[in-house]
Amino acid sequence: MKRPSGKRGDELSEVVPAFTEMTDRILYGEVWEREGLAKRDRSLLTIAALATANRHQQLEAHIGLALDNGVTKEELGEAILHLAFYASWPASVTASRIFLEVVKKREAAD
């Protein structure tokens, strides 16, 4: 599997090429390709982890990847709502806004 595209990730190769190579090879090449979970489930888990750990800078790419991996917009909305009660309301508000931006960008591209 290829890592989610994004300007920041692509630019990192200029300054930390070994880091991005290992990310591609180990995280997206080995971890994401394991048979224990479907990619759509890994996407949901990743979004939950990023949202609840306030790692919002990576949410946009992973929300797009989740949509590519077969998670529906409705499922993403439900996941974000669910997280509001277990993680935090503010984290879910931020994730919702990022989700909206991803949807708008995809609709504009179509």
PDB file of N, CA and C in Angstrom:
ATOM      1  N   MET A   1       0.835  -1.177   0.000  1.00  0.00           N
ATOM      2  CA  MET A   1       0.000   0.000   0.000  1.00  0.00           C
ATOM      3  C   MET A   1       0.879   1.240   0.000  1.00  0.00           C
ATOM      4  N   LYS A   2       0.432   2.223  -0.692  1.00  0.00           N
ATOM      5  CA  LYS A   2       1.175   3.476  -0.742  1.00  0.00           C
ATOM      6  C   LYS A   2       0.670   4.408   0.350  1.00  0.00           C
ATOM      7  N   ARG A   3       1.587   5.139   0.979  1.00  0.00           N
ATOM      8  CA  ARG A   3       1.183   6.072   2.027  1.00  0.00           C
ATOM      9  C   ARG A   3       0.265   7.130   1.434  1.00  0.00           C
ATOM     10  N   PRO A   4      -0.567   7.720   2.281  1.00  0.00           N
ATOM     11  CA  PRO A   4      -1.454   8.777   1.782  1.00  0.00           C
ATOM     12  C   PRO A   4      -0.633   9.897   1.174  1.00  0.00           C
ATOM     13  N   SER A   5      -1.080  10.383   0.050  1.00  0.00           N
ATOM     14  CA  SER A   5      -0.335  11.464  -0.588  1.00  0.00           C
ATOM     15  C   SER A   5      -0.561  12.752   0.181  1.00  0.00           C
ATOM     16  N   GLY A   6       0.400  13.552   0.120  1.00  0.00           N
ATOM     17  CA  GLY A   6       0.308  14.837   0.800  1.00  0.00           C
ATOM     18  C   GLY A   6       1.600  15.589   0.628  1.00  0.00           C
ATOM     19  N   LYS A   7       1.488  16.869   0.470  1.00  0.00           N
ATOM     20  CA  LYS A   7       2.655  17.698   0.223  1.00  0.00           C
ATOM     21  C   LYS A   7       3.694  17.551   1.326  1.00  0.00           C
ATOM     22  N   ARG A   8       3.241  17.544   2.586  1.00  0.00           N
ATOM     23  CA  ARG A   8       4.194  17.460   3.693  1.00  0.00           C
ATOM     24  C   ARG A   8       4.992  16.164   3.658  1.00  0.00           C
ATOM     25  N   GLY A   9       4.316  15.042   3.449  1.00  0.00           N
ATOM     26  CA  GLY A   9       4.996  13.758   3.409  1.00  0.00           C
ATOM     27  C   GLY A   9       5.981  13.682   2.263  1.00  0.00           C
ATOM     28  N   ASP A  10       5.585  14.225   1.112  1.00  0.00           N
ATOM     29  CA  ASP A  10       6.470  14.214  -0.041  1.00  0.00           C
ATOM     30  C   ASP A  10       7.686  15.122   0.186  1.00  0.00           C
ATOM     31  N   GLU A  11       7.467  16.251   0.835  1.00  0.00           N
ATOM     32  CA  GLU A  11       8.564  17.179   1.101  1.00  0.00           C
ATOM     33  C   GLU A  11       9.545  16.630   2.127  1.00  0.00           C
ATOM     34  N   LEU A  12       9.072  15.813   3.039  1.00  0.00           N
ATOM     35  CA  LEU A  12       9.947  15.260   4.069  1.00  0.00           C
ATOM     36  C   LEU A  12      11.088  14.445   3.477  1.00  0.00           C
ATOM     37  N   SER A  13      10.852  13.849   2.332  1.00  0.00           N
ATOM     38  CA  SER A  13      11.897  13.053   1.683  1.00  0.00           C
ATOM     39  C   SER A  13      13.138  13.874   1.384  1.00  0.00           C
ATOM     40  N   GLU A  14      12.958  15.178   1.240  1.00  0.00           N
ATOM     41  CA  GLU A  14      14.099  16.047   0.961  1.00  0.00           C
ATOM     42  C   GLU A  14      15.040  16.161   2.154  1.00  0.00           C
ATOM     43  N   VAL A  15      14.499  16.074   3.360  1.00  0.00           N
ATOM     44  CA  VAL A  15      15.331  16.276   4.541  1.00  0.00           C
ATOM     45  C   VAL A  15      15.532  15.018   5.385  1.00  0.00           C
ATOM     46  N   VAL A  16      14.599  14.081   5.330  1.00  0.00           N
ATOM     47  CA  VAL A  16      14.731  12.827   6.092  1.00  0.00           C
ATOM     48  C   VAL A  16      14.347  11.644   5.198  1.00  0.00           C
ATOM     49  N   PRO A  17      15.145  11.398   4.167  1.00  0.00           N
ATOM     50  CA  PRO A  17      14.786  10.347   3.217  1.00  0.00           C
ATOM     51  C   PRO A  17      14.685   8.963   3.847  1.00  0.00           C
ATOM     52  N   ALA A  18      15.531   8.653   4.814  1.00  0.00           N
ATOM     53  CA  ALA A  18      15.459   7.330   5.449  1.00  0.00           C
ATOM     54  C   ALA A  18      14.149   7.169   6.222  1.00  0.00           C
ATOM     55  N   PHE A  19      13.701   8.243   6.867  1.00  0.00           N
ATOM     56  CA  PHE A  19      12.436   8.201   7.602  1.00  0.00           C
ATOM     57  C   PHE A  19      11.268   7.917   6.665  1.00  0.00           C
ATOM     58  N   THR A  20      11.205   8.623   5.557  1.00  0.00           N
ATOM     59  CA  THR A  20      10.084   8.408   4.640  1.00  0.00           C
ATOM     60  C   THR A  20      10.185   7.038   3.967  1.00  0.00           C
ATOM     61  N   GLU A  21      11.397   6.588   3.696  1.00  0.00           N
ATOM     62  CA  GLU A  21      11.571   5.251   3.107  1.00  0.00           C
ATOM     63  C   GLU A  21      11.094   4.184   4.082  1.00  0.00           C
ATOM     64  N   MET A  22      11.441   4.329   5.367  1.00  0.00           N
ATOM     65  CA  MET A  22      11.004   3.350   6.368  1.00  0.00           C
ATOM     66  C   MET A  22       9.490   3.410   6.579  1.00  0.00           C
ATOM     67  N   THR A  23       8.938   4.613   6.552  1.00  0.00           N
ATOM     68  CA  THR A  23       7.489   4.759   6.675  1.00  0.00           C
ATOM     69  C   THR A  23       6.798   4.008   5.548  1.00  0.00           C
ATOM     70  N   ASP A  24       7.283   4.210   4.328  1.00  0.00           N
ATOM     71  CA  ASP A  24       6.684   3.524   3.182  1.00  0.00           C
ATOM     72  C   ASP A  24       6.873   2.014   3.270  1.00  0.00           C
ATOM     73  N   ARG A  25       8.067   1.582   3.607  1.00  0.00           N
ATOM     74  CA  ARG A  25       8.385   0.152   3.617  1.00  0.00           C
ATOM     75  C   ARG A  25       7.761  -0.578   4.802  1.00  0.00           C
ATOM     76  N   ILE A  26       7.911  -0.017   6.003  1.00  0.00           N
ATOM     77  CA  ILE A  26       7.457  -0.728   7.196  1.00  0.00           C
ATOM     78  C   ILE A  26       5.985  -0.446   7.493  1.00  0.00           C
ATOM     79  N   LEU A  27       5.630   0.827   7.657  1.00  0.00           N
ATOM     80  CA  LEU A  27       4.258   1.143   8.034  1.00  0.00           C
ATOM     81  C   LEU A  27       3.269   0.780   6.931  1.00  0.00           C
ATOM     82  N   TYR A  28       3.493   1.321   5.733  1.00  0.00           N
ATOM     83  CA  TYR A  28       2.526   1.073   4.662  1.00  0.00           C
ATOM     84  C   TYR A  28       2.812  -0.207   3.894  1.00  0.00           C
ATOM     85  N   GLY A  29       4.037  -0.670   3.900  1.00  0.00           N
ATOM     86  CA  GLY A  29       4.368  -1.903   3.199  1.00  0.00           C
ATOM     87  C   GLY A  29       4.131  -3.154   4.008  1.00  0.00           C
ATOM     88  N   GLU A  30       4.402  -3.102   5.305  1.00  0.00           N
ATOM     89  CA  GLU A  30       4.254  -4.291   6.145  1.00  0.00           C
ATOM     90  C   GLU A  30       3.034  -4.214   7.058  1.00  0.00           C
ATOM     91  N   VAL A  31       2.924  -3.161   7.852  1.00  0.00           N
ATOM     92  CA  VAL A  31       1.835  -3.083   8.829  1.00  0.00           C
ATOM     93  C   VAL A  31       0.474  -3.012   8.138  1.00  0.00           C
ATOM     94  N   TRP A  32       0.316  -2.096   7.199  1.00  0.00           N
ATOM     95  CA  TRP A  32      -0.975  -1.945   6.534  1.00  0.00           C
ATOM     96  C   TRP A  32      -1.323  -3.145   5.660  1.00  0.00           C
ATOM     97  N   GLU A  33      -0.362  -3.927   5.263  1.00  0.00           N
ATOM     98  CA  GLU A  33      -0.612  -5.076   4.392  1.00  0.00           C
ATOM     99  C   GLU A  33      -0.849  -6.378   5.160  1.00  0.00           C
ATOM    100  N   ARG A  34      -0.785  -6.345   6.480  1.00  0.00           N
ATOM    101  CA  ARG A  34      -1.033  -7.552   7.263  1.00  0.00           C
ATOM    102  C   ARG A  34      -2.462  -8.023   7.037  1.00  0.00           C
ATOM    103  N   GLU A  35      -2.659  -9.320   7.153  1.00  0.00           N
ATOM    104  CA  GLU A  35      -3.971  -9.898   6.886  1.00  0.00           C
ATOM    105  C   GLU A  35      -4.947  -9.803   8.053  1.00  0.00           C
ATOM    106  N   GLY A  36      -4.491  -9.456   9.244  1.00  0.00           N
ATOM    107  CA  GLY A  36      -5.341  -9.494  10.426  1.00  0.00           C
ATOM    108  C   GLY A  36      -6.518  -8.539  10.425  1.00  0.00           C
ATOM    109  N   LEU A  37      -6.402  -7.421   9.717  1.00  0.00           N
ATOM    110  CA  LEU A  37      -7.484  -6.438   9.613  1.00  0.00           C
ATOM    111  C   LEU A  37      -7.600  -5.969   8.171  1.00  0.00           C
ATOM    112  N   ALA A  38      -8.818  -5.678   7.778  1.00  0.00           N
ATOM    113  CA  ALA A  38      -9.039  -5.090   6.452  1.00  0.00           C
ATOM    114  C   ALA A  38      -8.521  -3.651   6.462  1.00  0.00           C
ATOM    115  N   LYS A  39      -8.137  -3.148   5.298  1.00  0.00           N
ATOM    116  CA  LYS A  39      -7.621  -1.775   5.206  1.00  0.00           C
ATOM    117  C   LYS A  39      -8.660  -0.762   5.674  1.00  0.00           C
ATOM    118  N   ARG A  40      -9.934  -1.018   5.384  1.00  0.00           N
ATOM    119  CA  ARG A  40     -10.973  -0.082   5.818  1.00  0.00           C
ATOM    120  C   ARG A  40     -11.023  -0.012   7.338  1.00  0.00           C
ATOM    121  N   ASP A  41     -10.815  -1.130   8.008  1.00  0.00           N
ATOM    122  CA  ASP A  41     -10.810  -1.141   9.467  1.00  0.00           C
ATOM    123  C   ASP A  41      -9.565  -0.457  10.016  1.00  0.00           C
ATOM    124  N   ARG A  42      -8.440  -0.681   9.364  1.00  0.00           N
ATOM    125  CA  ARG A  42      -7.210   0.011   9.770  1.00  0.00           C
ATOM    126  C   ARG A  42      -7.393   1.522   9.615  1.00  0.00           C
ATOM    127  N   SER A  43      -8.072   1.922   8.556  1.00  0.00           N
ATOM    128  CA  SER A  43      -8.334   3.348   8.348  1.00  0.00           C
ATOM    129  C   SER A  43      -9.178   3.921   9.476  1.00  0.00           C
ATOM    130  N   LEU A  44     -10.234   3.235   9.866  1.00  0.00           N
ATOM    131  CA  LEU A  44     -11.073   3.722  10.959  1.00  0.00           C
ATOM    132  C   LEU A  44     -10.289   3.823  12.262  1.00  0.00           C
ATOM    133  N   LEU A  45      -9.468   2.813  12.535  1.00  0.00           N
ATOM    134  CA  LEU A  45      -8.643   2.846  13.742  1.00  0.00           C
ATOM    135  C   LEU A  45      -7.640   3.998  13.702  1.00  0.00           C
ATOM    136  N   THR A  46      -7.051   4.218  12.555  1.00  0.00           N
ATOM    137  CA  THR A  46      -6.059   5.287  12.416  1.00  0.00           C
ATOM    138  C   THR A  46      -6.710   6.648  12.634  1.00  0.00           C
ATOM    139  N   ILE A  47      -7.877   6.851  12.048  1.00  0.00           N
ATOM    140  CA  ILE A  47      -8.585   8.118  12.222  1.00  0.00           C
ATOM    141  C   ILE A  47      -8.935   8.321  13.695  1.00  0.00           C
ATOM    142  N   ALA A  48      -9.411   7.273  14.348  1.00  0.00           N
ATOM    143  CA  ALA A  48      -9.734   7.376  15.774  1.00  0.00           C
ATOM    144  C   ALA A  48      -8.495   7.733  16.589  1.00  0.00           C
ATOM    145  N   ALA A  49      -7.385   7.073  16.292  1.00  0.00           N
ATOM    146  CA  ALA A  49      -6.152   7.340  17.033  1.00  0.00           C
ATOM    147  C   ALA A  49      -5.667   8.766  16.799  1.00  0.00           C
ATOM    148  N   LEU A  50      -5.681   9.212  15.566  1.00  0.00           N
ATOM    149  CA  LEU A  50      -5.210  10.563  15.261  1.00  0.00           C
ATOM    150  C   LEU A  50      -6.115  11.617  15.881  1.00  0.00           C
ATOM    151  N   ALA A  51      -7.421  11.413  15.796  1.00  0.00           N
ATOM    152  CA  ALA A  51      -8.369  12.394  16.337  1.00  0.00           C
ATOM    153  C   ALA A  51      -8.257  12.485  17.852  1.00  0.00           C
ATOM    154  N   THR A  52      -8.163  11.344  18.508  1.00  0.00           N
ATOM    155  CA  THR A  52      -8.159  11.357  19.971  1.00  0.00           C
ATOM    156  C   THR A  52      -6.806  11.766  20.554  1.00  0.00           C
ATOM    157  N   ALA A  53      -5.755  11.610  19.796  1.00  0.00           N
ATOM    158  CA  ALA A  53      -4.426  12.014  20.263  1.00  0.00           C
ATOM    159  C   ALA A  53      -4.077  13.433  19.817  1.00  0.00           C
ATOM    160  N   ASN A  54      -5.067  14.134  19.262  1.00  0.00           N
ATOM    161  CA  ASN A  54      -4.862  15.499  18.756  1.00  0.00           C
ATOM    162  C   ASN A  54      -3.738  15.571  17.733  1.00  0.00           C
ATOM    163  N   ARG A  55      -3.683  14.600  16.864  1.00  0.00           N
ATOM    164  CA  ARG A  55      -2.721  14.576  15.760  1.00  0.00           C
ATOM    165  C   ARG A  55      -3.458  14.953  14.473  1.00  0.00           C
ATOM    166  N   HIS A  56      -4.098  16.106  14.542  1.00  0.00           N
ATOM    167  CA  HIS A  56      -4.992  16.505  13.461  1.00  0.00           C
ATOM    168  C   HIS A  56      -4.287  16.803  12.149  1.00  0.00           C
ATOM    169  N   GLN A  57      -2.988  17.079  12.205  1.00  0.00           N
ATOM    170  CA  GLN A  57      -2.261  17.422  10.985  1.00  0.00           C
ATOM    171  C   GLN A  57      -2.234  16.264   9.990  1.00  0.00           C
ATOM    172  N   GLN A  58      -2.465  15.033  10.438  1.00  0.00           N
ATOM    173  CA  GLN A  58      -2.456  13.886   9.526  1.00  0.00           C
ATOM    174  C   GLN A  58      -3.860  13.392   9.180  1.00  0.00           C
ATOM    175  N   LEU A  59      -4.876  13.990   9.792  1.00  0.00           N
ATOM    176  CA  LEU A  59      -6.242  13.510   9.567  1.00  0.00           C
ATOM    177  C   LEU A  59      -6.706  13.659   8.126  1.00  0.00           C
ATOM    178  N   GLU A  60      -6.384  14.761   7.494  1.00  0.00           N
ATOM    179  CA  GLU A  60      -6.857  14.986   6.124  1.00  0.00           C
ATOM    180  C   GLU A  60      -6.433  13.841   5.201  1.00  0.00           C
ATOM    181  N   ALA A  61      -5.170  13.500   5.244  1.00  0.00           N
ATOM    182  CA  ALA A  61      -4.674  12.430   4.375  1.00  0.00           C
ATOM    183  C   ALA A  61      -5.322  11.093   4.729  1.00  0.00           C
ATOM    184  N   HIS A  62      -5.502  10.826   6.019  1.00  0.00           N
ATOM    185  CA  HIS A  62      -6.053   9.533   6.413  1.00  0.00           C
ATOM    186  C   HIS A  62      -7.565   9.444   6.202  1.00  0.00           C
ATOM    187  N   ILE A  63      -8.259  10.565   6.247  1.00  0.00           N
ATOM    188  CA  ILE A  63      -9.680  10.544   5.898  1.00  0.00           C
ATOM    189  C   ILE A  63      -9.826  10.242   4.420  1.00  0.00           C
ATOM    190  N   GLY A  64      -8.994  10.849   3.596  1.00  0.00           N
ATOM    191  CA  GLY A  64      -9.014  10.533   2.165  1.00  0.00           C
ATOM    192  C   GLY A  64      -8.683   9.077   1.908  1.00  0.00           C
ATOM    193  N   LEU A  65      -7.694   8.560   2.622  1.00  0.00           N
ATOM    194  CA  LEU A  65      -7.319   7.160   2.473  1.00  0.00           C
ATOM    195  C   LEU A  65      -8.463   6.250   2.913  1.00  0.00           C
ATOM    196  N   ALA A  66      -9.146   6.611   3.997  1.00  0.00           N
ATOM    197  CA  ALA A  66     -10.281   5.814   4.466  1.00  0.00           C
ATOM    198  C   ALA A  66     -11.365   5.740   3.392  1.00  0.00           C
ATOM    199  N   LEU A  67     -11.659   6.856   2.768  1.00  0.00           N
ATOM    200  CA  LEU A  67     -12.648   6.859   1.683  1.00  0.00           C
ATOM    201  C   LEU A  67     -12.181   5.975   0.533  1.00  0.00           C
ATOM    202  N   ASP A  68     -10.898   6.042   0.215  1.00  0.00           N
ATOM    203  CA  ASP A  68     -10.336   5.182  -0.831  1.00  0.00           C
ATOM    204  C   ASP A  68     -10.392   3.708  -0.433  1.00  0.00           C
ATOM    205  N   ASN A  69     -10.315   3.438   0.863  1.00  0.00           N
ATOM    206  CA  ASN A  69     -10.325   2.060   1.359  1.00  0.00           C
ATOM    207  C   ASN A  69     -11.736   1.525   1.595  1.00  0.00           C
ATOM    208  N   GLY A  70     -12.741   2.260   1.171  1.00  0.00           N
ATOM    209  CA  GLY A  70     -14.103   1.751   1.228  1.00  0.00           C
ATOM    210  C   GLY A  70     -14.933   2.183   2.417  1.00  0.00           C
ATOM    211  N   VAL A  71     -14.388   3.027   3.291  1.00  0.00           N
ATOM    212  CA  VAL A  71     -15.193   3.563   4.382  1.00  0.00           C
ATOM    213  C   VAL A  71     -16.105   4.627   3.775  1.00  0.00           C
ATOM    214  N   THR A  72     -17.389   4.548   4.074  1.00  0.00           N
ATOM    215  CA  THR A  72     -18.336   5.515   3.506  1.00  0.00           C
ATOM    216  C   THR A  72     -18.321   6.808   4.308  1.00  0.00           C
ATOM    217  N   LYS A  73     -18.845   7.863   3.695  1.00  0.00           N
ATOM    218  CA  LYS A  73     -18.963   9.132   4.399  1.00  0.00           C
ATOM    219  C   LYS A  73     -19.846   8.966   5.640  1.00  0.00           C
ATOM    220  N   GLU A  74     -20.886   8.180   5.507  1.00  0.00           N
ATOM    221  CA  GLU A  74     -21.786   7.951   6.640  1.00  0.00           C
ATOM    222  C   GLU A  74     -21.056   7.245   7.784  1.00  0.00           C
ATOM    223  N   GLU A  75     -20.242   6.250   7.448  1.00  0.00           N
ATOM    224  CA  GLU A  75     -19.477   5.540   8.477  1.00  0.00           C
ATOM    225  C   GLU A  75     -18.465   6.452   9.160  1.00  0.00           C
ATOM    226  N   LEU A  76     -17.814   7.303   8.378  1.00  0.00           N
ATOM    227  CA  LEU A  76     -16.869   8.248   8.971  1.00  0.00           C
ATOM    228  C   LEU A  76     -17.579   9.218   9.905  1.00  0.00           C
ATOM    229  N   GLY A  77     -18.738   9.682   9.480  1.00  0.00           N
ATOM    230  CA  GLY A  77     -19.522  10.570  10.333  1.00  0.00           C
ATOM    231  C   GLY A  77     -19.911   9.897  11.636  1.00  0.00           C
ATOM    232  N   GLU A  78     -20.336   8.641  11.561  1.00  0.00           N
ATOM    233  CA  GLU A  78     -20.696   7.891  12.762  1.00  0.00           C
ATOM    234  C   GLU A  78     -19.489   7.675  13.670  1.00  0.00           C
ATOM    235  N   ALA A  79     -18.342   7.388  13.078  1.00  0.00           N
ATOM    236  CA  ALA A  79     -17.130   7.178  13.865  1.00  0.00           C
ATOM    237  C   ALA A  79     -16.746   8.458  14.607  1.00  0.00           C
ATOM    238  N   ILE A  80     -16.824   9.578  13.924  1.00  0.00           N
ATOM    239  CA  ILE A  80     -16.472  10.857  14.551  1.00  0.00           C
ATOM    240  C   ILE A  80     -17.465  11.187  15.660  1.00  0.00           C
ATOM    241  N   LEU A  81     -18.745  10.945  15.434  1.00  0.00           N
ATOM    242  CA  LEU A  81     -19.745  11.163  16.477  1.00  0.00           C
ATOM    243  C   LEU A  81     -19.470  10.274  17.682  1.00  0.00           C
ATOM    244  N   HIS A  82     -19.186   9.026  17.443  1.00  0.00           N
ATOM    245  CA  HIS A  82     -18.910   8.073  18.512  1.00  0.00           C
ATOM    246  C   HIS A  82     -17.713   8.531  19.351  1.00  0.00           C
ATOM    247  N   LEU A  83     -16.690   9.012  18.679  1.00  0.00           N
ATOM    248  CA  LEU A  83     -15.497   9.480  19.379  1.00  0.00           C
ATOM    249  C   LEU A  83     -15.774  10.676  20.277  1.00  0.00           C
ATOM    250  N   ALA A  84     -16.777  11.470  19.928  1.00  0.00           N
ATOM    251  CA  ALA A  84     -17.088  12.648  20.731  1.00  0.00           C
ATOM    252  C   ALA A  84     -17.388  12.274  22.173  1.00  0.00           C
ATOM    253  N   PHE A  85     -18.020  11.136  22.364  1.00  0.00           N
ATOM    254  CA  PHE A  85     -18.424  10.734  23.698  1.00  0.00           C
ATOM    255  C   PHE A  85     -17.352   9.936  24.439  1.00  0.00           C
ATOM    256  N   TYR A  86     -16.408   9.374  23.712  1.00  0.00           N
ATOM    257  CA  TYR A  86     -15.359   8.579  24.355  1.00  0.00           C
ATOM    258  C   TYR A  86     -14.019   9.300  24.421  1.00  0.00           C
ATOM    259  N   ALA A  87     -13.801  10.233  23.529  1.00  0.00           N
ATOM    260  CA  ALA A  87     -12.509  10.928  23.491  1.00  0.00           C
ATOM    261  C   ALA A  87     -12.688  12.374  23.935  1.00  0.00           C
ATOM    262  N   SER A  88     -13.268  13.163  23.081  1.00  0.00           N
ATOM    263  CA  SER A  88     -13.606  14.538  23.462  1.00  0.00           C
ATOM    264  C   SER A  88     -14.435  15.174  22.363  1.00  0.00           C
ATOM    265  N   TRP A  89     -15.316  16.030  22.808  1.00  0.00           N
ATOM    266  CA  TRP A  89     -16.148  16.771  21.866  1.00  0.00           C
ATOM    267  C   TRP A  89     -15.280  17.671  20.983  1.00  0.00           C
ATOM    268  N   PRO A  90     -14.344  18.435  21.553  1.00  0.00           N
ATOM    269  CA  PRO A  90     -13.506  19.294  20.710  1.00  0.00           C
ATOM    270  C   PRO A  90     -12.719  18.524  19.645  1.00  0.00           C
ATOM    271  N   ALA A  91     -12.212  17.347  19.992  1.00  0.00           N
ATOM    272  CA  ALA A  91     -11.477  16.556  18.994  1.00  0.00           C
ATOM    273  C   ALA A  91     -12.400  16.151  17.850  1.00  0.00           C
ATOM    274  N   SER A  92     -13.640  15.830  18.176  1.00  0.00           N
ATOM    275  CA  SER A  92     -14.586  15.443  17.129  1.00  0.00           C
ATOM    276  C   SER A  92     -15.023  16.630  16.282  1.00  0.00           C
ATOM    277  N   VAL A  93     -15.119  17.799  16.895  1.00  0.00           N
ATOM    278  CA  VAL A  93     -15.437  19.009  16.119  1.00  0.00           C
ATOM    279  C   VAL A  93     -14.322  19.262  15.106  1.00  0.00           C
ATOM    280  N   THR A  94     -13.088  19.192  15.563  1.00  0.00           N
ATOM    281  CA  THR A  94     -11.943  19.404  14.662  1.00  0.00           C
ATOM    282  C   THR A  94     -11.922  18.348  13.566  1.00  0.00           C
ATOM    283  N   ALA A  95     -12.115  17.087  13.927  1.00  0.00           N
ATOM    284  CA  ALA A  95     -12.134  16.009  12.930  1.00  0.00           C
ATOM    285  C   ALA A  95     -13.269  16.216  11.934  1.00  0.00           C
ATOM    286  N   SER A  96     -14.418  16.685  12.407  1.00  0.00           N
ATOM    287  CA  SER A  96     -15.564  16.938  11.515  1.00  0.00           C
ATOM    288  C   SER A  96     -15.244  18.029  10.507  1.00  0.00           C
ATOM    289  N   ARG A  97     -14.580  19.065  10.964  1.00  0.00           N
ATOM    290  CA  ARG A  97     -14.221  20.160  10.044  1.00  0.00           C
ATOM    291  C   ARG A  97     -13.218  19.686   8.990  1.00  0.00           C
ATOM    292  N   ILE A  98     -12.267  18.883   9.415  1.00  0.00           N
ATOM    293  CA  ILE A  98     -11.292  18.342   8.466  1.00  0.00           C
ATOM    294  C   ILE A  98     -11.988  17.408   7.488  1.00  0.00           C
ATOM    295  N   PHE A  99     -12.885  16.573   7.990  1.00  0.00           N
ATOM    296  CA  PHE A  99     -13.678  15.670   7.152  1.00  0.00           C
ATOM    297  C   PHE A  99     -14.450  16.464   6.107  1.00  0.00           C
ATOM    298  N   LEU A 100     -15.094  17.554   6.513  1.00  0.00           N
ATOM    299  CA  LEU A 100     -15.844  18.400   5.584  1.00  0.00           C
ATOM    300  C   LEU A 100     -14.937  18.939   4.488  1.00  0.00           C
ATOM    301  N   GLU A 101     -13.746  19.389   4.842  1.00  0.00           N
ATOM    302  CA  GLU A 101     -12.810  19.911   3.840  1.00  0.00           C
ATOM    303  C   GLU A 101     -12.394  18.832   2.840  1.00  0.00           C
ATOM    304  N   VAL A 102     -12.174  17.626   3.320  1.00  0.00           N
ATOM    305  CA  VAL A 102     -11.814  16.518   2.427  1.00  0.00           C
ATOM    306  C   VAL A 102     -12.956  16.256   1.452  1.00  0.00           C
ATOM    307  N   VAL A 103     -14.175  16.208   1.963  1.00  0.00           N
ATOM    308  CA  VAL A 103     -15.340  15.957   1.111  1.00  0.00           C
ATOM    309  C   VAL A 103     -15.483  17.058   0.068  1.00  0.00           C
ATOM    310  N   LYS A 104     -15.347  18.310   0.484  1.00  0.00           N
ATOM    311  CA  LYS A 104     -15.456  19.441  -0.449  1.00  0.00           C
ATOM    312  C   LYS A 104     -14.400  19.360  -1.550  1.00  0.00           C
ATOM    313  N   LYS A 105     -13.158  19.043  -1.169  1.00  0.00           N
ATOM    314  CA  LYS A 105     -12.083  18.931  -2.163  1.00  0.00           C
ATOM    315  C   LYS A 105     -12.366  17.814  -3.148  1.00  0.00           C
ATOM    316  N   ARG A 106     -12.857  16.687  -2.647  1.00  0.00           N
ATOM    317  CA  ARG A 106     -13.149  15.549  -3.540  1.00  0.00           C
ATOM    318  C   ARG A 106     -14.301  15.877  -4.473  1.00  0.00           C
ATOM    319  N   GLU A 107     -15.317  16.539  -3.961  1.00  0.00           N
ATOM    320  CA  GLU A 107     -16.460  16.906  -4.804  1.00  0.00           C
ATOM    321  C   GLU A 107     -16.043  17.912  -5.870  1.00  0.00           C
ATOM    322  N   ALA A 108     -15.169  18.841  -5.525  1.00  0.00           N
ATOM    323  CA  ALA A 108     -14.694  19.834  -6.480  1.00  0.00           C
ATOM    324  C   ALA A 108     -13.834  19.184  -7.574  1.00  0.00           C
ATOM    325  N   ALA A 109     -13.133  18.105  -7.216  1.00  0.00           N
ATOM    326  CA  ALA A 109     -12.268  17.410  -8.171  1.00  0.00           C
ATOM    327  C   ALA A 109     -13.072  16.555  -9.143  1.00  0.00           C
ATOM    328  N   ASP A 110     -14.281  16.163  -8.744  1.00  0.00           N
ATOM    329  CA  ASP A 110     -15.106  15.297  -9.618  1.00  0.00           C
ATOM    330  C   ASP A 110     -15.757  16.036 -10.741  1.00  0.00           C
TER     331      ASP A 110
END
